[in-house]
Amino acid sequence: MRQPGAGAVATALLAGAVTAPGPTTVDADDWIEHEDAKNYCVVEDCVRSSDSILSMIWWKDESQIVDLQGDD
């Protein structure tokens, strides 16, 4: 699995940020490997445990998933 993109909240936590800002809208291409992902957004929330980061990613607008599936 690749690392999250530069705009991902998880990337900031991996770089040393102390806390996550709560649910944050980020570019889908920070998480999704698809040529059109740059045109969409997902919501990301993260929590840090002692030695790892758990990221929760969801689509606020499910029509974006349908758009991306239509390309396959």
Protein backbone atom coordinates (compact mmCIF):
# COMPACT_ATOMS: atom_id res chain seq x y z
CA MET A 1 0.00 0.00 0.00
CA ARG A 2 1.28 3.46 -0.81
CA GLN A 3 1.61 6.29 1.68
CA PRO A 4 -1.21 8.85 1.89
CA GLY A 5 -0.79 12.00 -0.18
CA ALA A 6 0.71 15.26 1.03
CA GLY A 7 -2.68 16.78 1.85
CA ALA A 8 -3.87 13.90 4.02
CA VAL A 9 -4.34 14.44 7.75
CA ALA A 10 -2.47 11.17 8.34
CA THR A 11 0.56 12.62 6.57
CA ALA A 12 0.64 15.55 9.01
CA LEU A 13 0.43 13.14 11.94
CA LEU A 14 3.21 10.99 10.50
CA ALA A 15 5.31 14.16 10.13
CA GLY A 16 4.90 14.99 13.82
CA ALA A 17 1.65 16.91 14.22
CA VAL A 18 0.45 16.35 17.78
CA THR A 19 -3.29 16.11 17.14
CA ALA A 20 -5.67 15.65 14.25
CA PRO A 21 -8.09 18.52 13.54
CA GLY A 22 -11.17 16.28 13.43
CA PRO A 23 -13.07 15.35 10.26
CA THR A 24 -11.40 17.18 7.39
CA THR A 25 -12.23 17.35 3.69
CA VAL A 26 -9.19 16.31 1.62
CA ASP A 27 -8.57 15.63 -2.05
CA ALA A 28 -9.59 12.08 -2.92
CA ASP A 29 -6.29 11.51 -4.71
CA ASP A 30 -4.53 11.72 -1.33
CA TRP A 31 -6.11 8.30 -0.72
CA ILE A 32 -7.60 6.89 -3.92
CA GLU A 33 -5.49 5.59 -6.80
CA HIS A 34 -7.60 6.53 -9.81
CA GLU A 35 -6.77 8.93 -12.60
CA ASP A 36 -9.91 11.02 -11.92
CA ALA A 37 -9.61 11.03 -8.11
CA LYS A 38 -8.09 14.53 -8.27
CA ASN A 39 -11.56 15.79 -9.21
CA TYR A 40 -13.19 14.60 -5.98
CA CYS A 41 -12.99 14.95 -2.20
CA VAL A 42 -13.29 12.56 0.74
CA VAL A 43 -13.60 13.21 4.46
CA GLU A 44 -10.73 11.99 6.65
CA ASP A 45 -10.50 11.65 10.39
CA CYS A 46 -7.54 10.16 12.25
CA VAL A 47 -6.63 8.99 15.69
CA ARG A 48 -3.18 8.20 16.97
CA SER A 49 -2.43 5.25 19.20
CA SER A 50 0.91 4.67 20.86
CA ASP A 51 2.64 3.45 17.70
CA SER A 52 0.18 3.80 14.83
CA ILE A 53 -2.39 6.01 13.14
CA LEU A 54 -5.91 4.91 12.27
CA SER A 55 -7.45 6.84 9.40
CA MET A 56 -11.15 6.75 8.63
CA ILE A 57 -12.04 7.83 5.12
CA TRP A 58 -15.53 8.32 3.75
CA TRP A 59 -17.31 9.92 0.82
CA LYS A 60 -19.57 12.80 1.74
CA ASP A 61 -21.11 12.65 -1.73
CA GLU A 62 -21.71 9.05 -2.85
CA SER A 63 -22.32 10.16 -6.44
CA GLN A 64 -18.53 10.54 -6.69
CA ILE A 65 -18.13 6.79 -6.16
CA VAL A 66 -20.62 6.12 -8.95
CA ASP A 67 -18.70 8.48 -11.26
CA LEU A 68 -15.40 6.69 -10.57
CA GLN A 69 -16.95 3.21 -10.97
CA GLY A 70 -18.34 4.23 -14.34
CA ASP A 71 -14.77 4.69 -15.63
CA ASP A 72 -13.86 1.01 -15.18
